[in-house]
Amino acid sequence: GIWILSPNQSHLTFQTSKLDKAEDKTPRSRKSGSAKSVHPDPHTTCRENQYLINSRCCDKCQPGEKLVNDCTEFTSTECLPCKKGEFLDTWNIERHCHQHKYCDPNQGLQVQREGTSETDTTCTCDEGLHCTSDACESCIQHTLCPPGLGVKQVATGVSDTICHPCPAGFFSNVSSASEKCHPWTRCETKGLVELQAGTNKTDAVCGFQDRIRALVVIPITMVVLLAVLLVSAYIRKVTKKPENKVLQPKAVSQDPVEDLEVLPVPLHPIAPVQETLHGCQPVTQEDGKESRISVQERV
């Protein structure tokens, strides 16, 4: 067609040529909505959610359905719904649906959301566990932050616990997958004094002023008492005499007469013993010795 200026030059008019009218009468390609088949022009691609086959653009199957037959010039794409326990979650040309995921309880898994024909089953881990991968096919226990470390990020069903050291002024005295570092107790806010400073594993110890003296005096007193007891026990052990070695004093005889030896009585008759005088005292001759007369007796 061409544009023509009117004689008064007030406006332009557009006239269509015979060639243009002839082109309008040529049949157009059948819309994909009726037969789902389109002859693509050279160097062109099919529309979204379509696929090219046998020089035709056929519609893909919608989510939840699988492909049975491709479209033709007179028929559209043939699709069938997925069976129970199967799904397809995208526009597709799949011949088979996918099986729903199985949440194995032996792996610590449980169903978070049941699957449909368009969505897969979603699994999650039991309490205290998290998935080992994005697919969540197995679970492991959450990491416990030991004393001195606090939880920076609590574990989820798909991520583990993140721990960090307790900074100055904070502590953690438990192994936990949820406890954060706690600040030390400020004794002055309670009208108390700090008896012992806190660490990254222990809280500050508070108490009264008198208790400070007690904490100093009591240990010293106990040490002194213990030393006294030990010294006393040692002295008692050294000075103690054995009972079996105690000497008994001999009985002093009041009679100055010498102890006489008791001789056994002989069985045979004893001959008469001669007696002599020695200093006006009788002297008995011992048996078995010869009788001798002193010089004085012989005189």
C-alpha atoms as a PDB file:
ATOM      1  CA  GLY A   1       0.000   0.000   0.000  1.00  0.00           C
ATOM      2  CA  ILE A   2       0.957   3.659  -0.422  1.00  0.00           C
ATOM      3  CA  TRP A   3       0.203   6.970   1.325  1.00  0.00           C
ATOM      4  CA  ILE A   4      -1.629   9.709  -0.774  1.00  0.00           C
ATOM      5  CA  LEU A   5      -1.774  13.407   0.111  1.00  0.00           C
ATOM      6  CA  SER A   6      -5.246  14.971  -0.384  1.00  0.00           C
ATOM      7  CA  PRO A   7      -5.605  17.981  -2.750  1.00  0.00           C
ATOM      8  CA  ASN A   8      -6.051  20.418   0.067  1.00  0.00           C
ATOM      9  CA  GLN A   9      -3.087  18.766   1.819  1.00  0.00           C
ATOM     10  CA  SER A  10      -5.128  18.504   4.986  1.00  0.00           C
ATOM     11  CA  HIS A  11      -4.637  14.790   5.579  1.00  0.00           C
ATOM     12  CA  LEU A  12      -2.974  11.600   4.321  1.00  0.00           C
ATOM     13  CA  THR A  13      -4.826   8.473   3.212  1.00  0.00           C
ATOM     14  CA  PHE A  14      -3.489   4.914   2.932  1.00  0.00           C
ATOM     15  CA  GLN A  15      -4.510   2.735  -0.018  1.00  0.00           C
ATOM     16  CA  THR A  16      -3.983  -0.974  -0.194  1.00  0.00           C
ATOM     17  CA  SER A  17      -2.655  -2.464  -3.361  1.00  0.00           C
ATOM     18  CA  LYS A  18      -4.121  -5.507  -5.063  1.00  0.00           C
ATOM     19  CA  LEU A  19      -1.042  -7.502  -4.128  1.00  0.00           C
ATOM     20  CA  ASP A  20      -1.689  -6.816  -0.454  1.00  0.00           C
ATOM     21  CA  LYS A  21      -5.286  -7.966  -0.799  1.00  0.00           C
ATOM     22  CA  ALA A  22      -4.122 -11.145  -2.456  1.00  0.00           C
ATOM     23  CA  GLU A  23      -1.748 -11.889   0.424  1.00  0.00           C
ATOM     24  CA  ASP A  24      -4.569 -11.438   2.968  1.00  0.00           C
ATOM     25  CA  LYS A  25      -6.566 -14.172   1.260  1.00  0.00           C
ATOM     26  CA  THR A  26      -3.840 -16.828   1.671  1.00  0.00           C
ATOM     27  CA  PRO A  27      -4.623 -19.373   4.501  1.00  0.00           C
ATOM     28  CA  ARG A  28      -2.717 -18.926   7.775  1.00  0.00           C
ATOM     29  CA  SER A  29      -1.179 -21.677   9.814  1.00  0.00           C
ATOM     30  CA  ARG A  30      -3.536 -23.457  12.233  1.00  0.00           C
ATOM     31  CA  LYS A  31      -3.258 -22.120  15.743  1.00  0.00           C
ATOM     32  CA  SER A  32      -1.706 -24.422  18.245  1.00  0.00           C
ATOM     33  CA  GLY A  33      -4.742 -24.044  20.503  1.00  0.00           C
ATOM     34  CA  SER A  34      -6.896 -26.030  18.049  1.00  0.00           C
ATOM     35  CA  ALA A  35      -4.544 -28.693  16.743  1.00  0.00           C
ATOM     36  CA  LYS A  36      -1.458 -27.995  18.787  1.00  0.00           C
ATOM     37  CA  SER A  37       0.585 -28.148  15.610  1.00  0.00           C
ATOM     38  CA  VAL A  38       2.336 -25.190  14.020  1.00  0.00           C
ATOM     39  CA  HIS A  39       4.633 -25.110  11.004  1.00  0.00           C
ATOM     40  CA  PRO A  40       7.492 -22.888  12.189  1.00  0.00           C
ATOM     41  CA  ASP A  41       8.998 -20.347   9.842  1.00  0.00           C
ATOM     42  CA  PRO A  42      12.628 -20.907   8.882  1.00  0.00           C
ATOM     43  CA  HIS A  43      15.151 -19.811  11.509  1.00  0.00           C
ATOM     44  CA  THR A  44      12.460 -19.524  14.193  1.00  0.00           C
ATOM     45  CA  THR A  45      11.851 -21.491  17.410  1.00  0.00           C
ATOM     46  CA  CYS A  46       8.713 -22.764  19.046  1.00  0.00           C
ATOM     47  CA  ARG A  47       6.939 -20.830  21.739  1.00  0.00           C
ATOM     48  CA  GLU A  48       7.378 -21.414  25.450  1.00  0.00           C
ATOM     49  CA  ASN A  49       5.935 -24.737  26.639  1.00  0.00           C
ATOM     50  CA  GLN A  50       6.160 -26.131  23.098  1.00  0.00           C
ATOM     51  CA  TYR A  51       8.637 -28.504  21.490  1.00  0.00           C
ATOM     52  CA  LEU A  52       9.695 -29.080  17.900  1.00  0.00           C
ATOM     53  CA  ILE A  53       9.142 -32.489  16.342  1.00  0.00           C
ATOM     54  CA  ASN A  54       8.671 -33.521  12.704  1.00  0.00           C
ATOM     55  CA  SER A  55       8.915 -29.850  11.707  1.00  0.00           C
ATOM     56  CA  ARG A  56       5.956 -29.084  13.952  1.00  0.00           C
ATOM     57  CA  CYS A  57       5.636 -27.195  17.225  1.00  0.00           C
ATOM     58  CA  CYS A  58       3.662 -29.323  19.661  1.00  0.00           C
ATOM     59  CA  ASP A  59       2.472 -28.323  23.105  1.00  0.00           C
ATOM     60  CA  LYS A  60       4.250 -29.901  26.060  1.00  0.00           C
ATOM     61  CA  CYS A  61       2.326 -31.775  28.750  1.00  0.00           C
ATOM     62  CA  GLN A  62       1.445 -29.700  31.786  1.00  0.00           C
ATOM     63  CA  PRO A  63       2.756 -30.534  35.294  1.00  0.00           C
ATOM     64  CA  GLY A  64       1.181 -33.706  36.654  1.00  0.00           C
ATOM     65  CA  GLU A  65       0.866 -35.293  33.201  1.00  0.00           C
ATOM     66  CA  LYS A  66       3.135 -37.375  30.977  1.00  0.00           C
ATOM     67  CA  LEU A  67       3.431 -37.501  27.188  1.00  0.00           C
ATOM     68  CA  VAL A  68       1.633 -40.315  25.357  1.00  0.00           C
ATOM     69  CA  ASN A  69       1.561 -39.187  21.686  1.00  0.00           C
ATOM     70  CA  ASP A  70       3.039 -36.245  19.824  1.00  0.00           C
ATOM     71  CA  CYS A  71       0.771 -33.888  17.984  1.00  0.00           C
ATOM     72  CA  THR A  72       0.046 -34.210  14.279  1.00  0.00           C
ATOM     73  CA  GLU A  73      -1.443 -31.904  11.678  1.00  0.00           C
ATOM     74  CA  PHE A  74      -4.917 -32.886  12.858  1.00  0.00           C
ATOM     75  CA  THR A  75      -4.422 -33.931  16.513  1.00  0.00           C
ATOM     76  CA  SER A  76      -3.028 -32.211  19.537  1.00  0.00           C
ATOM     77  CA  THR A  77      -0.430 -33.580  21.938  1.00  0.00           C
ATOM     78  CA  GLU A  78      -1.836 -36.477  23.946  1.00  0.00           C
ATOM     79  CA  CYS A  79      -1.025 -36.532  27.702  1.00  0.00           C
ATOM     80  CA  LEU A  80      -2.080 -38.691  30.675  1.00  0.00           C
ATOM     81  CA  PRO A  81      -2.141 -37.832  34.415  1.00  0.00           C
ATOM     82  CA  CYS A  82       0.513 -39.388  36.631  1.00  0.00           C
ATOM     83  CA  LYS A  83      -0.568 -42.296  38.820  1.00  0.00           C
ATOM     84  CA  LYS A  84      -0.721 -42.181  42.598  1.00  0.00           C
ATOM     85  CA  GLY A  85       2.756 -41.991  44.086  1.00  0.00           C
ATOM     86  CA  GLU A  86       4.122 -40.347  40.913  1.00  0.00           C
ATOM     87  CA  PHE A  87       4.642 -36.766  39.838  1.00  0.00           C
ATOM     88  CA  LEU A  88       5.978 -34.397  37.191  1.00  0.00           C
ATOM     89  CA  ASP A  89       6.533 -30.860  38.394  1.00  0.00           C
ATOM     90  CA  THR A  90       7.229 -29.023  35.110  1.00  0.00           C
ATOM     91  CA  TRP A  91       5.900 -28.683  31.570  1.00  0.00           C
ATOM     92  CA  ASN A  92       7.421 -31.731  29.953  1.00  0.00           C
ATOM     93  CA  ILE A  93       7.624 -34.300  27.202  1.00  0.00           C
ATOM     94  CA  GLU A  94       8.431 -37.143  29.598  1.00  0.00           C
ATOM     95  CA  ARG A  95       7.106 -40.597  28.778  1.00  0.00           C
ATOM     96  CA  HIS A  96       7.170 -41.673  32.446  1.00  0.00           C
ATOM     97  CA  CYS A  97       6.353 -39.915  35.710  1.00  0.00           C
ATOM     98  CA  HIS A  98       8.822 -39.796  38.604  1.00  0.00           C
ATOM     99  CA  GLN A  99       8.312 -41.742  41.819  1.00  0.00           C
ATOM    100  CA  HIS A 100       7.722 -39.820  45.024  1.00  0.00           C
ATOM    101  CA  LYS A 101      10.649 -39.713  47.437  1.00  0.00           C
ATOM    102  CA  TYR A 102      10.586 -42.223  50.307  1.00  0.00           C
ATOM    103  CA  CYS A 103      11.306 -40.795  53.754  1.00  0.00           C
ATOM    104  CA  ASP A 104      13.126 -43.679  55.439  1.00  0.00           C
ATOM    105  CA  PRO A 105      12.555 -43.637  59.231  1.00  0.00           C
ATOM    106  CA  ASN A 106      15.647 -45.818  59.664  1.00  0.00           C
ATOM    107  CA  GLN A 107      17.651 -42.852  58.374  1.00  0.00           C
ATOM    108  CA  GLY A 108      15.985 -40.469  60.822  1.00  0.00           C
ATOM    109  CA  LEU A 109      13.627 -39.099  58.165  1.00  0.00           C
ATOM    110  CA  GLN A 110       9.948 -38.250  58.370  1.00  0.00           C
ATOM    111  CA  VAL A 111       7.428 -36.828  55.907  1.00  0.00           C
ATOM    112  CA  GLN A 112       7.215 -33.063  56.029  1.00  0.00           C
ATOM    113  CA  ARG A 113       4.771 -32.703  53.120  1.00  0.00           C
ATOM    114  CA  GLU A 114       3.002 -35.389  51.141  1.00  0.00           C
ATOM    115  CA  GLY A 115       3.625 -35.425  47.404  1.00  0.00           C
ATOM    116  CA  THR A 116       1.027 -34.774  44.697  1.00  0.00           C
ATOM    117  CA  SER A 117       0.917 -35.400  40.961  1.00  0.00           C
ATOM    118  CA  GLU A 118       2.707 -32.073  40.518  1.00  0.00           C
ATOM    119  CA  THR A 119       5.047 -32.037  43.527  1.00  0.00           C
ATOM    120  CA  ASP A 120       7.440 -34.478  45.154  1.00  0.00           C
ATOM    121  CA  THR A 121       7.251 -35.613  48.769  1.00  0.00           C
ATOM    122  CA  THR A 122       9.296 -33.429  51.108  1.00  0.00           C
ATOM    123  CA  CYS A 123      11.284 -35.125  53.887  1.00  0.00           C
ATOM    124  CA  THR A 124      12.702 -33.672  57.053  1.00  0.00           C
ATOM    125  CA  CYS A 125      14.818 -35.027  59.886  1.00  0.00           C
ATOM    126  CA  ASP A 126      13.693 -36.012  63.359  1.00  0.00           C
ATOM    127  CA  GLU A 127      14.269 -33.680  66.301  1.00  0.00           C
ATOM    128  CA  GLY A 128      17.970 -33.164  66.983  1.00  0.00           C
ATOM    129  CA  LEU A 129      19.025 -34.227  63.467  1.00  0.00           C
ATOM    130  CA  HIS A 130      19.676 -32.435  60.196  1.00  0.00           C
ATOM    131  CA  CYS A 131      19.992 -33.471  56.549  1.00  0.00           C
ATOM    132  CA  THR A 132      23.386 -34.472  55.203  1.00  0.00           C
ATOM    133  CA  SER A 133      22.656 -32.935  51.779  1.00  0.00           C
ATOM    134  CA  ASP A 134      20.158 -30.765  49.952  1.00  0.00           C
ATOM    135  CA  ALA A 135      18.371 -33.906  48.767  1.00  0.00           C
ATOM    136  CA  CYS A 136      17.874 -34.873  52.439  1.00  0.00           C
ATOM    137  CA  GLU A 137      18.293 -38.598  51.949  1.00  0.00           C
ATOM    138  CA  SER A 138      19.811 -39.201  55.415  1.00  0.00           C
ATOM    139  CA  CYS A 139      20.279 -37.377  58.721  1.00  0.00           C
ATOM    140  CA  ILE A 140      22.977 -36.880  61.354  1.00  0.00           C
ATOM    141  CA  GLN A 141      22.902 -35.422  64.870  1.00  0.00           C
ATOM    142  CA  HIS A 142      23.341 -31.729  65.530  1.00  0.00           C
ATOM    143  CA  THR A 143      26.776 -30.695  66.778  1.00  0.00           C
ATOM    144  CA  LEU A 144      26.842 -29.825  70.499  1.00  0.00           C
ATOM    145  CA  CYS A 145      28.824 -26.737  71.452  1.00  0.00           C
ATOM    146  CA  PRO A 146      31.074 -27.731  74.419  1.00  0.00           C
ATOM    147  CA  PRO A 147      31.665 -25.592  77.548  1.00  0.00           C
ATOM    148  CA  GLY A 148      33.491 -22.411  76.608  1.00  0.00           C
ATOM    149  CA  LEU A 149      31.683 -22.243  73.268  1.00  0.00           C
ATOM    150  CA  GLY A 150      28.210 -20.895  72.602  1.00  0.00           C
ATOM    151  CA  VAL A 151      25.712 -21.404  69.800  1.00  0.00           C
ATOM    152  CA  LYS A 152      26.059 -18.758  67.124  1.00  0.00           C
ATOM    153  CA  GLN A 153      23.451 -20.277  64.810  1.00  0.00           C
ATOM    154  CA  VAL A 154      20.938 -22.926  65.832  1.00  0.00           C
ATOM    155  CA  ALA A 155      20.778 -26.002  63.623  1.00  0.00           C
ATOM    156  CA  THR A 156      17.832 -26.510  61.286  1.00  0.00           C
ATOM    157  CA  GLY A 157      16.529 -29.494  59.390  1.00  0.00           C
ATOM    158  CA  VAL A 158      19.048 -28.841  56.627  1.00  0.00           C
ATOM    159  CA  SER A 159      21.989 -27.181  58.438  1.00  0.00           C
ATOM    160  CA  ASP A 160      24.228 -27.994  61.412  1.00  0.00           C
ATOM    161  CA  THR A 161      24.897 -25.979  64.563  1.00  0.00           C
ATOM    162  CA  ILE A 162      27.458 -23.177  64.299  1.00  0.00           C
ATOM    163  CA  CYS A 163      29.527 -22.596  67.481  1.00  0.00           C
ATOM    164  CA  HIS A 164      31.804 -19.724  68.489  1.00  0.00           C
ATOM    165  CA  PRO A 165      34.085 -19.050  71.512  1.00  0.00           C
ATOM    166  CA  CYS A 166      32.548 -17.075  74.357  1.00  0.00           C
ATOM    167  CA  PRO A 167      34.088 -13.570  74.415  1.00  0.00           C
ATOM    168  CA  ALA A 168      35.412 -11.856  77.543  1.00  0.00           C
ATOM    169  CA  GLY A 169      32.628 -11.299  80.048  1.00  0.00           C
ATOM    170  CA  PHE A 170      30.612 -14.277  78.818  1.00  0.00           C
ATOM    171  CA  PHE A 171      30.567 -17.979  79.639  1.00  0.00           C
ATOM    172  CA  SER A 172      28.977 -21.305  78.744  1.00  0.00           C
ATOM    173  CA  ASN A 173      29.182 -24.227  81.172  1.00  0.00           C
ATOM    174  CA  VAL A 174      27.145 -26.824  79.269  1.00  0.00           C
ATOM    175  CA  SER A 175      27.340 -28.858  76.063  1.00  0.00           C
ATOM    176  CA  SER A 176      24.333 -27.786  74.044  1.00  0.00           C
ATOM    177  CA  ALA A 177      23.004 -27.346  70.522  1.00  0.00           C
ATOM    178  CA  SER A 178      20.916 -24.328  71.529  1.00  0.00           C
ATOM    179  CA  GLU A 179      22.527 -22.498  74.492  1.00  0.00           C
ATOM    180  CA  LYS A 180      24.281 -19.226  73.732  1.00  0.00           C
ATOM    181  CA  CYS A 181      27.059 -17.626  75.788  1.00  0.00           C
ATOM    182  CA  HIS A 182      25.685 -15.937  78.915  1.00  0.00           C
ATOM    183  CA  PRO A 183      27.111 -12.745  80.467  1.00  0.00           C
ATOM    184  CA  TRP A 184      28.845 -12.954  83.831  1.00  0.00           C
ATOM    185  CA  THR A 185      26.769 -11.995  86.850  1.00  0.00           C
ATOM    186  CA  ARG A 186      27.415  -8.402  87.908  1.00  0.00           C
ATOM    187  CA  CYS A 187      27.750  -8.678  91.677  1.00  0.00           C
ATOM    188  CA  GLU A 188      27.515  -4.939  92.325  1.00  0.00           C
ATOM    189  CA  THR A 189      24.005  -4.826  90.858  1.00  0.00           C
ATOM    190  CA  LYS A 190      22.922  -7.226  93.614  1.00  0.00           C
ATOM    191  CA  GLY A 191      24.684  -5.378  96.403  1.00  0.00           C
ATOM    192  CA  LEU A 192      27.336  -8.087  96.633  1.00  0.00           C
ATOM    193  CA  VAL A 193      31.056  -8.292  96.031  1.00  0.00           C
ATOM    194  CA  GLU A 194      32.832 -10.526  93.554  1.00  0.00           C
ATOM    195  CA  LEU A 195      34.483 -13.410  95.356  1.00  0.00           C
ATOM    196  CA  GLN A 196      35.777 -15.099  92.214  1.00  0.00           C
ATOM    197  CA  ALA A 197      36.067 -13.795  88.669  1.00  0.00           C
ATOM    198  CA  GLY A 198      34.288 -15.608  85.863  1.00  0.00           C
ATOM    199  CA  THR A 199      35.889 -17.498  82.979  1.00  0.00           C
ATOM    200  CA  ASN A 200      34.676 -18.608  79.567  1.00  0.00           C
ATOM    201  CA  LYS A 201      33.332 -21.747  81.284  1.00  0.00           C
ATOM    202  CA  THR A 202      32.168 -20.439  84.677  1.00  0.00           C
ATOM    203  CA  ASP A 203      30.134 -17.538  86.008  1.00  0.00           C
ATOM    204  CA  ALA A 204      31.442 -14.989  88.499  1.00  0.00           C
ATOM    205  CA  VAL A 205      30.942 -15.920  92.175  1.00  0.00           C
ATOM    206  CA  CYS A 206      29.302 -13.277  94.357  1.00  0.00           C
ATOM    207  CA  GLY A 207      29.022 -12.997  98.137  1.00  0.00           C
ATOM    208  CA  PHE A 208      28.974 -10.740 101.181  1.00  0.00           C
ATOM    209  CA  GLN A 209      32.013  -8.798 102.428  1.00  0.00           C
ATOM    210  CA  ASP A 210      32.266 -10.862 105.650  1.00  0.00           C
ATOM    211  CA  ARG A 211      32.487 -13.976 103.613  1.00  0.00           C
ATOM    212  CA  ILE A 212      35.764 -12.815 102.143  1.00  0.00           C
ATOM    213  CA  ARG A 213      37.349 -12.871 105.590  1.00  0.00           C
ATOM    214  CA  ALA A 214      35.821 -16.252 106.259  1.00  0.00           C
ATOM    215  CA  LEU A 215      37.238 -17.633 103.036  1.00  0.00           C
ATOM    216  CA  VAL A 216      40.688 -16.515 104.180  1.00  0.00           C
ATOM    217  CA  VAL A 217      40.508 -17.409 107.889  1.00  0.00           C
ATOM    218  CA  ILE A 218      38.856 -20.821 107.591  1.00  0.00           C
ATOM    219  CA  PRO A 219      41.496 -22.397 105.320  1.00  0.00           C
ATOM    220  CA  ILE A 220      44.339 -21.031 107.468  1.00  0.00           C
ATOM    221  CA  THR A 221      42.708 -22.363 110.645  1.00  0.00           C
ATOM    222  CA  MET A 222      42.213 -25.767 109.094  1.00  0.00           C
ATOM    223  CA  VAL A 223      45.846 -25.920 108.011  1.00  0.00           C
ATOM    224  CA  VAL A 224      47.060 -25.007 111.517  1.00  0.00           C
ATOM    225  CA  LEU A 225      44.815 -27.612 113.171  1.00  0.00           C
ATOM    226  CA  LEU A 226      45.936 -30.257 110.759  1.00  0.00           C
ATOM    227  CA  ALA A 227      49.584 -29.449 111.467  1.00  0.00           C
ATOM    228  CA  VAL A 228      49.006 -29.686 115.238  1.00  0.00           C
ATOM    229  CA  LEU A 229      47.293 -33.055 114.884  1.00  0.00           C
ATOM    230  CA  LEU A 230      50.104 -34.427 112.746  1.00  0.00           C
ATOM    231  CA  VAL A 231      52.802 -33.248 115.184  1.00  0.00           C
ATOM    232  CA  SER A 232      50.907 -34.672 118.174  1.00  0.00           C
ATOM    233  CA  ALA A 233      50.494 -38.011 116.479  1.00  0.00           C
ATOM    234  CA  TYR A 234      54.193 -38.132 115.635  1.00  0.00           C
ATOM    235  CA  ILE A 235      55.280 -37.315 119.214  1.00  0.00           C
ATOM    236  CA  ARG A 236      52.903 -39.913 120.650  1.00  0.00           C
ATOM    237  CA  LYS A 237      54.280 -42.545 118.314  1.00  0.00           C
ATOM    238  CA  VAL A 238      57.917 -41.783 119.176  1.00  0.00           C
ATOM    239  CA  THR A 239      57.509 -41.646 122.981  1.00  0.00           C
ATOM    240  CA  LYS A 240      55.274 -44.681 123.336  1.00  0.00           C
ATOM    241  CA  LYS A 241      57.100 -47.770 124.903  1.00  0.00           C
ATOM    242  CA  PRO A 242      56.313 -51.282 123.752  1.00  0.00           C
ATOM    243  CA  GLU A 243      54.268 -53.152 126.374  1.00  0.00           C
ATOM    244  CA  ASN A 244      56.204 -56.421 126.021  1.00  0.00           C
ATOM    245  CA  LYS A 245      59.499 -54.731 126.925  1.00  0.00           C
ATOM    246  CA  VAL A 246      58.461 -53.114 130.206  1.00  0.00           C
ATOM    247  CA  LEU A 247      60.863 -54.202 132.957  1.00  0.00           C
ATOM    248  CA  GLN A 248      59.234 -55.458 136.159  1.00  0.00           C
ATOM    249  CA  PRO A 249      61.160 -54.610 139.372  1.00  0.00           C
ATOM    250  CA  LYS A 250      62.526 -57.613 141.255  1.00  0.00           C
ATOM    251  CA  ALA A 251      61.070 -58.419 144.618  1.00  0.00           C
ATOM    252  CA  VAL A 252      63.582 -57.484 147.302  1.00  0.00           C
ATOM    253  CA  SER A 253      64.028 -60.266 149.831  1.00  0.00           C
ATOM    254  CA  GLN A 254      63.856 -59.036 153.376  1.00  0.00           C
ATOM    255  CA  ASP A 255      65.742 -62.079 154.631  1.00  0.00           C
ATOM    256  CA  PRO A 256      69.486 -61.667 154.024  1.00  0.00           C
ATOM    257  CA  VAL A 257      69.848 -65.425 153.969  1.00  0.00           C
ATOM    258  CA  GLU A 258      71.089 -66.618 150.651  1.00  0.00           C
ATOM    259  CA  ASP A 259      68.709 -68.553 148.437  1.00  0.00           C
ATOM    260  CA  LEU A 260      69.082 -72.254 148.963  1.00  0.00           C
ATOM    261  CA  GLU A 261      69.108 -74.592 146.076  1.00  0.00           C
ATOM    262  CA  VAL A 262      66.600 -77.409 146.345  1.00  0.00           C
ATOM    263  CA  LEU A 263      68.296 -80.658 145.499  1.00  0.00           C
ATOM    264  CA  PRO A 264      66.487 -83.775 144.392  1.00  0.00           C
ATOM    265  CA  VAL A 265      66.132 -86.551 146.964  1.00  0.00           C
ATOM    266  CA  PRO A 266      68.376 -89.486 146.029  1.00  0.00           C
ATOM    267  CA  LEU A 267      66.840 -92.932 145.770  1.00  0.00           C
ATOM    268  CA  HIS A 268      69.681 -94.716 147.574  1.00  0.00           C
ATOM    269  CA  PRO A 269      70.405 -94.232 151.291  1.00  0.00           C
ATOM    270  CA  ILE A 270      72.778 -91.460 151.930  1.00  0.00           C
ATOM    271  CA  ALA A 271      75.667 -92.052 154.229  1.00  0.00           C
ATOM    272  CA  PRO A 272      75.811 -89.951 157.344  1.00  0.00           C
ATOM    273  CA  VAL A 273      77.180 -86.584 156.619  1.00  0.00           C
ATOM    274  CA  GLN A 274      79.915 -85.452 158.803  1.00  0.00           C
ATOM    275  CA  GLU A 275      79.440 -82.101 160.330  1.00  0.00           C
ATOM    276  CA  THR A 276      82.189 -79.768 161.321  1.00  0.00           C
ATOM    277  CA  LEU A 277      82.215 -76.492 162.993  1.00  0.00           C
ATOM    278  CA  HIS A 278      83.385 -73.429 161.222  1.00  0.00           C
ATOM    279  CA  GLY A 279      83.321 -70.361 163.302  1.00  0.00           C
ATOM    280  CA  CYS A 280      80.824 -71.919 165.720  1.00  0.00           C
ATOM    281  CA  GLN A 281      78.509 -72.689 162.727  1.00  0.00           C
ATOM    282  CA  PRO A 282      77.914 -76.258 161.591  1.00  0.00           C
ATOM    283  CA  VAL A 283      79.197 -76.987 158.148  1.00  0.00           C
ATOM    284  CA  THR A 284      77.781 -79.833 156.118  1.00  0.00           C
ATOM    285  CA  GLN A 285      80.092 -81.813 153.885  1.00  0.00           C
ATOM    286  CA  GLU A 286      78.805 -81.826 150.335  1.00  0.00           C
ATOM    287  CA  ASP A 287      78.157 -85.200 148.835  1.00  0.00           C
ATOM    288  CA  GLY A 288      80.821 -86.416 146.483  1.00  0.00           C
ATOM    289  CA  LYS A 289      83.650 -84.451 148.051  1.00  0.00           C
ATOM    290  CA  GLU A 290      86.367 -85.791 150.322  1.00  0.00           C
ATOM    291  CA  SER A 291      86.215 -84.951 153.978  1.00  0.00           C
ATOM    292  CA  ARG A 292      89.033 -82.756 154.942  1.00  0.00           C
ATOM    293  CA  ILE A 293      89.832 -81.373 158.354  1.00  0.00           C
ATOM    294  CA  SER A 294      91.022 -77.878 158.414  1.00  0.00           C
ATOM    295  CA  VAL A 295      94.283 -77.016 159.957  1.00  0.00           C
ATOM    296  CA  GLN A 296      92.596 -75.459 162.948  1.00  0.00           C
ATOM    297  CA  GLU A 297      90.625 -78.665 163.644  1.00  0.00           C
ATOM    298  CA  ARG A 298      93.764 -80.750 163.609  1.00  0.00           C
ATOM    299  CA  VAL A 299      95.339 -78.565 166.199  1.00  0.00           C
END
